[in-house]
Structures are given as structure tokens and as C-alpha cells.
Amino acid sequence: MQTPQLAMRMEAGEAAPPAGAGGRAGGGWGKWVRLNVGGTVFLTTRQTLCREQKSFLSRLCQGEELQSDRDETGAYLIDRDPTYFGPILNFLRHGKLVLDKDMAEEGVLEEAEFYNIGPLIRIIKDRMEEKDYTVTQVPPKHVYRVLQCQEEELTQMVSTMSDGWRFEQLVNIGSSYNYGSEDQAEFLCVVSKELHSSPHGLSSESSRKTKSTDEQLEEQRRQEVEEVEVAQVQVEADAQEKGAARPQEDDC
């Protein structure tokens, strides 16, 4: 029978136990445990495996609570994928999740749930949720307003602009009226505001609130569009009025 591949995952500063010591607690090598995970042998200490008291691995090496078969070297046989066992064992050693760039977090999560390692499960889920949030976050949309004002009103209008609105562009549309000898210039002031959409994955209650908020934002957007259209109509009407007034002034 071919001996399984031996992956020597040892604690620093310790010598390897002799072959056949396995996970037996007798003699001076009782602190060492061999695990045959899917044909790959891992070597570690009882202290590492018992770091999470409620885990499958802790129960495995504490007495005979879990009856497990062993291979010819005395290593515990575990029918799981050895690819994901390395990060599991390293987490028990130093408390950090370290993954190769090509390793799927879903696979490590599946193994962490099988071995019942609570802190590792929470870390992986938090990382996956953070990635999902980054992917599903919708870029902000912009709502624009076009405001018409005279030159003397421009400074006050910009300084009293409500929160969230930002000045974008100023368009001079010429003079509209004469007051004495001074021309009052007319301007179109374009302002904008960001509208942020909520990401997916919310609870049902949050989803209802988000839906209600989205409806309000949609209504607000419709109102803004109507205001822009009204402003444009007003500009066109003023332009027509100016055009009609000029011939009368010429006649005078």
C-alpha cells in the first residue's frame, strides 16, 4: 500500500516524533498529533488543535469522545479536502486568516463550518460580505437644477444654497431690463446634488425602508426634471418677450 504524501506542518523549535507515534498520548511524544486529511498528512500539537474548545479537532484529540479510524502510522483519518486544511490549521496556530490569492474563500468557509471553528467562520463571512458590498455598491447619481437670477441676486443665491447642492455652471443670457442707466444682466445657474443608492443584501425591513426611500428619490427626481423644464420654458418666454419689446423701443 502506498504511503500517503506527508505534509510536515510543524511548530517552530520542535523535533518531529517518530513514525507510528500518531496521536497517541503515551511517552514523550503525547503532545504531537498526526492528521491524515484526504491522503495528506499534517503534523501539529494538541495545544494547537485544542485552541477552539468546541471544534471538531479539539474533541478529536481529547480522549475517545470521537471514534476515528487511523492509518498505518497512527494518524487520524479525516475524509476532507486537504487543500483547505492548511489555512484552517494556520488559523489555529496564530489566529490569522492567510489565503493564497487563488484560494476560494467559500472553500475555506465550508471547511471551517465542518470543523466548527466559530471565530474563523465569522472572519470569512465578514470578508465575503465586505467584497459583496464593494461589488454591489451603486455609483451616485446626480440631479441637476437650472436657476434663473439677476446679477445682483447671484451672490446671495450661491451663498444660501441648501446642503448637498453644488454649483456647476453659470451661463450669461444677456440683459433683460433697464433700470435707469444700468443694465441688469440675467444668468442661468446650474447646480447639482448626488443621490446615493443603497446596496443589495438588506433585511426585509430594511428593504421596505429602502424601497420607500427610492420611491421618494424617484419622485424628487421627477420634480427636479419638471423644474428644469419650467425654467427652460421661462427662459424661452423671456427671450421672446425681449424680442417683441425691442421693435417697440426702436419705434420710440
Protein backbone atom coordinates (compact mmCIF):
# COMPACT_ATOMS: atom_id res chain seq x y z
CA MET A 1 0.00 0.00 0.00
CA GLN A 2 1.39 3.39 -0.99
CA THR A 3 2.17 5.71 1.92
CA PRO A 4 0.17 9.00 1.75
CA GLN A 5 2.00 12.20 0.91
CA LEU A 6 3.50 13.65 4.09
CA ALA A 7 2.98 17.37 4.59
CA MET A 8 5.07 18.26 7.64
CA ARG A 9 3.33 21.26 9.22
CA MET A 10 5.34 21.59 12.46
CA GLU A 11 5.53 24.12 15.26
CA ALA A 12 8.81 26.07 15.30
CA GLY A 13 11.54 24.77 17.57
CA GLU A 14 10.16 21.23 17.99
CA ALA A 15 11.55 17.98 16.65
CA ALA A 16 9.36 15.54 14.75
CA PRO A 17 8.05 12.49 16.58
CA PRO A 18 9.00 9.09 15.25
CA ALA A 19 6.76 7.41 12.71
CA GLY A 20 3.99 5.47 14.34
CA ALA A 21 3.61 7.85 17.27
CA GLY A 22 0.44 9.21 15.68
CA GLY A 23 -1.94 10.93 18.07
CA ARG A 24 -1.31 8.57 20.98
CA ALA A 25 -0.80 10.27 24.29
CA GLY A 26 1.78 7.82 25.62
CA GLY A 27 5.51 8.53 26.04
CA GLY A 28 7.29 11.81 25.47
CA TRP A 29 5.52 12.43 22.14
CA GLY A 30 1.98 12.70 23.50
CA LYS A 31 1.84 16.40 22.61
CA TRP A 32 2.10 15.68 18.86
CA VAL A 33 -0.83 14.66 16.65
CA ARG A 34 -0.86 13.35 13.08
CA LEU A 35 -3.87 14.06 10.88
CA ASN A 36 -4.40 12.29 7.57
CA VAL A 37 -6.72 14.69 5.73
CA GLY A 38 -7.81 13.31 2.36
CA GLY A 39 -4.49 11.49 1.89
CA THR A 40 -2.21 14.33 3.04
CA VAL A 41 -0.63 14.04 6.49
CA PHE A 42 -0.43 17.12 8.71
CA LEU A 43 1.62 17.21 11.90
CA THR A 44 0.78 19.61 14.73
CA THR A 45 0.40 19.75 18.52
CA ARG A 46 -2.54 19.06 20.77
CA GLN A 47 -2.28 22.62 22.04
CA THR A 48 -2.94 23.95 18.53
CA LEU A 49 -5.87 21.62 17.87
CA CYS A 50 -7.44 22.38 21.26
CA ARG A 51 -7.30 26.16 20.82
CA GLU A 52 -11.01 26.21 19.93
CA GLN A 53 -12.58 24.02 22.61
CA LYS A 54 -15.86 23.44 20.74
CA SER A 55 -14.24 22.47 17.47
CA PHE A 56 -14.23 19.02 15.91
CA LEU A 57 -10.42 18.92 16.06
CA SER A 58 -10.35 19.69 19.78
CA ARG A 59 -12.81 16.90 20.52
CA LEU A 60 -10.89 14.55 18.25
CA CYS A 61 -7.65 14.72 20.24
CA GLN A 62 -9.26 14.80 23.69
CA GLY A 63 -9.96 11.24 24.76
CA GLU A 64 -12.20 8.81 22.97
CA GLU A 65 -15.29 11.02 22.58
CA LEU A 66 -14.97 10.83 18.80
CA GLN A 67 -14.14 7.41 17.42
CA SER A 68 -11.96 7.90 14.35
CA ASP A 69 -10.10 5.42 12.19
CA ARG A 70 -6.33 5.71 11.87
CA ASP A 71 -3.91 4.86 9.10
CA GLU A 72 -0.87 2.57 9.43
CA THR A 73 1.17 5.41 11.02
CA GLY A 74 -1.45 6.12 13.66
CA ALA A 75 -2.67 9.36 12.06
CA TYR A 76 -6.34 10.24 12.42
CA LEU A 77 -8.18 9.73 9.13
CA ILE A 78 -10.36 12.69 8.09
CA ASP A 79 -12.22 12.50 4.79
CA ARG A 80 -11.98 16.18 3.81
CA ASP A 81 -10.19 18.25 1.17
CA PRO A 82 -6.56 18.83 2.25
CA THR A 83 -6.33 21.93 0.03
CA TYR A 84 -8.31 24.00 2.52
CA PHE A 85 -6.97 22.40 5.69
CA GLY A 86 -3.72 24.40 5.65
CA PRO A 87 -5.45 27.76 6.30
CA ILE A 88 -7.58 26.07 8.99
CA LEU A 89 -4.52 24.76 10.82
CA ASN A 90 -2.58 28.01 10.46
CA PHE A 91 -5.51 29.95 11.90
CA LEU A 92 -5.44 27.73 14.97
CA ARG A 93 -1.69 28.35 15.26
CA HIS A 94 -1.59 32.15 15.08
CA GLY A 95 -5.19 33.38 14.89
CA LYS A 96 -4.92 34.94 11.43
CA LEU A 97 -6.54 34.00 8.14
CA VAL A 98 -3.90 33.78 5.41
CA LEU A 99 -5.02 32.65 1.95
CA ASP A 100 -3.22 32.22 -1.35
CA LYS A 101 -4.57 34.58 -4.00
CA ASP A 102 -6.11 31.70 -5.98
CA MET A 103 -7.79 30.03 -2.99
CA ALA A 104 -11.56 30.39 -2.79
CA GLU A 105 -12.87 31.77 0.49
CA GLU A 106 -16.04 29.72 0.02
CA GLY A 107 -14.00 26.50 0.23
CA VAL A 108 -12.26 27.56 3.44
CA LEU A 109 -15.62 28.63 4.89
CA GLU A 110 -17.09 25.20 4.14
CA GLU A 111 -14.23 23.51 5.99
CA ALA A 112 -14.36 25.98 8.89
CA GLU A 113 -18.05 25.16 9.32
CA PHE A 114 -17.32 21.42 9.20
CA TYR A 115 -14.64 21.71 11.89
CA ASN A 116 -16.88 24.14 13.84
CA ILE A 117 -14.30 26.91 14.28
CA GLY A 118 -16.54 29.87 15.15
CA PRO A 119 -14.07 32.80 15.04
CA LEU A 120 -12.76 31.73 11.63
CA ILE A 121 -16.30 31.39 10.28
CA ARG A 122 -17.09 34.97 11.33
CA ILE A 123 -13.88 36.35 9.81
CA ILE A 124 -14.51 34.71 6.43
CA LYS A 125 -18.16 35.79 6.31
CA ASP A 126 -17.20 39.37 7.15
CA ARG A 127 -14.62 39.39 4.36
CA MET A 128 -17.09 37.98 1.85
CA GLU A 129 -19.79 40.49 2.84
CA GLU A 130 -17.29 43.33 2.50
CA LYS A 131 -16.42 42.18 -1.02
CA ASP A 132 -20.09 41.84 -1.93
CA TYR A 133 -20.76 45.36 -0.66
CA THR A 134 -17.92 46.76 -2.74
CA VAL A 135 -19.17 44.98 -5.88
CA THR A 136 -22.86 45.87 -5.46
CA GLN A 137 -22.41 49.45 -4.33
CA VAL A 138 -24.10 51.65 -6.93
CA PRO A 139 -22.26 54.81 -8.02
CA PRO A 140 -24.05 58.04 -7.04
CA LYS A 141 -26.48 59.66 -9.45
CA HIS A 142 -26.63 63.40 -9.99
CA VAL A 143 -29.71 65.61 -10.05
CA TYR A 144 -29.38 68.99 -11.74
CA ARG A 145 -31.29 72.24 -11.29
CA VAL A 146 -31.27 75.29 -13.54
CA LEU A 147 -32.00 78.52 -11.68
CA GLN A 148 -32.52 81.92 -13.30
CA CYS A 149 -31.43 85.07 -11.48
CA GLN A 150 -30.24 88.61 -12.00
CA GLU A 151 -26.69 89.75 -11.39
CA GLU A 152 -27.48 91.39 -8.06
CA GLU A 153 -29.16 88.18 -6.81
CA LEU A 154 -26.35 85.85 -7.84
CA THR A 155 -24.12 86.18 -4.76
CA GLN A 156 -26.97 85.68 -2.33
CA MET A 157 -28.32 82.66 -4.20
CA VAL A 158 -24.95 80.87 -4.22
CA SER A 159 -24.21 81.66 -0.56
CA THR A 160 -27.62 80.43 0.62
CA MET A 161 -27.57 77.20 -1.39
CA SER A 162 -29.00 74.30 0.68
CA ASP A 163 -26.88 71.40 1.95
CA GLY A 164 -25.80 68.89 -0.66
CA TRP A 165 -26.24 71.20 -3.64
CA ARG A 166 -23.09 72.21 -5.51
CA PHE A 167 -22.52 74.97 -8.03
CA GLU A 168 -21.74 73.59 -11.51
CA GLN A 169 -22.01 76.27 -14.19
CA LEU A 170 -23.03 79.89 -14.74
CA VAL A 171 -24.45 80.99 -18.11
CA ASN A 172 -24.88 84.64 -19.03
CA ILE A 173 -28.03 85.06 -21.10
CA GLY A 174 -27.67 88.83 -21.55
CA SER A 175 -29.56 91.83 -20.21
CA SER A 176 -33.30 91.79 -19.69
CA TYR A 177 -34.34 95.13 -18.22
CA ASN A 178 -33.04 98.66 -17.92
CA TYR A 179 -33.22 100.38 -14.57
CA GLY A 180 -32.12 103.93 -15.17
CA SER A 181 -28.80 103.81 -16.96
CA GLU A 182 -27.76 100.36 -15.65
CA ASP A 183 -28.34 97.06 -17.41
CA GLN A 184 -29.31 94.13 -15.15
CA ALA A 185 -27.64 91.00 -16.53
CA GLU A 186 -29.55 87.72 -16.43
CA PHE A 187 -27.86 84.41 -15.57
CA LEU A 188 -28.71 80.73 -15.59
CA CYS A 189 -27.11 78.98 -12.61
CA VAL A 190 -26.69 75.18 -12.90
CA VAL A 191 -26.39 73.29 -9.59
CA SER A 192 -26.20 69.56 -8.84
CA LYS A 193 -26.71 67.10 -5.99
CA GLU A 194 -25.60 63.48 -5.50
CA LEU A 195 -28.18 60.77 -4.85
CA HIS A 196 -26.73 57.58 -3.38
CA SER A 197 -28.47 54.22 -3.82
CA SER A 198 -28.37 51.58 -1.08
CA PRO A 199 -26.52 48.27 -1.76
CA HIS A 200 -28.29 44.89 -2.01
CA GLY A 201 -28.44 42.25 0.69
CA LEU A 202 -30.55 44.11 3.23
CA SER A 203 -33.10 42.63 5.59
CA SER A 204 -36.78 42.60 4.64
CA GLU A 205 -37.50 45.56 6.92
CA SER A 206 -34.52 47.49 5.55
CA SER A 207 -35.60 46.57 2.03
CA ARG A 208 -39.04 48.08 2.66
CA LYS A 209 -37.45 51.24 4.02
CA THR A 210 -35.09 51.36 1.06
CA LYS A 211 -37.97 50.87 -1.34
CA SER A 212 -39.86 53.72 0.30
CA THR A 213 -36.75 55.90 0.14
CA ASP A 214 -36.20 55.01 -3.51
CA GLU A 215 -39.77 56.00 -4.29
CA GLN A 216 -39.21 59.34 -2.58
CA LEU A 217 -35.99 59.87 -4.52
CA GLU A 218 -37.73 58.97 -7.78
CA GLU A 219 -40.47 61.48 -7.01
CA GLN A 220 -37.84 64.08 -6.19
CA ARG A 221 -36.07 63.38 -9.48
CA ARG A 222 -39.32 63.84 -11.38
CA GLN A 223 -39.90 67.15 -9.62
CA GLU A 224 -36.37 68.28 -10.46
CA VAL A 225 -36.89 67.43 -14.13
CA GLU A 226 -40.15 69.38 -14.11
CA GLU A 227 -38.40 72.36 -12.53
CA VAL A 228 -35.70 72.27 -15.19
CA GLU A 229 -38.33 72.13 -17.92
CA VAL A 230 -40.22 75.05 -16.35
CA ALA A 231 -37.00 77.05 -16.11
CA GLN A 232 -36.22 76.38 -19.76
CA VAL A 233 -39.73 77.42 -20.79
CA GLN A 234 -39.37 80.59 -18.74
CA VAL A 235 -36.07 81.41 -20.43
CA GLU A 236 -37.63 80.92 -23.86
CA ALA A 237 -40.60 83.09 -22.89
CA ASP A 238 -38.32 85.84 -21.62
CA ALA A 239 -36.31 85.69 -24.82
CA GLN A 240 -39.47 86.04 -26.89
CA GLU A 241 -40.60 88.94 -24.72
CA LYS A 242 -37.27 90.69 -25.22
CA GLY A 243 -37.52 90.17 -28.97
CA ALA A 244 -41.01 91.68 -29.02
CA ALA A 245 -40.01 94.64 -26.83
CA ARG A 246 -37.02 95.75 -28.90
CA PRO A 247 -39.03 96.86 -32.00
CA GLN A 248 -41.26 98.97 -29.73
CA GLU A 249 -38.20 100.63 -28.18
CA ASP A 250 -36.82 101.33 -31.66
CA ASP A 251 -40.10 102.99 -32.65
CA CYS A 252 -39.86 105.25 -29.65
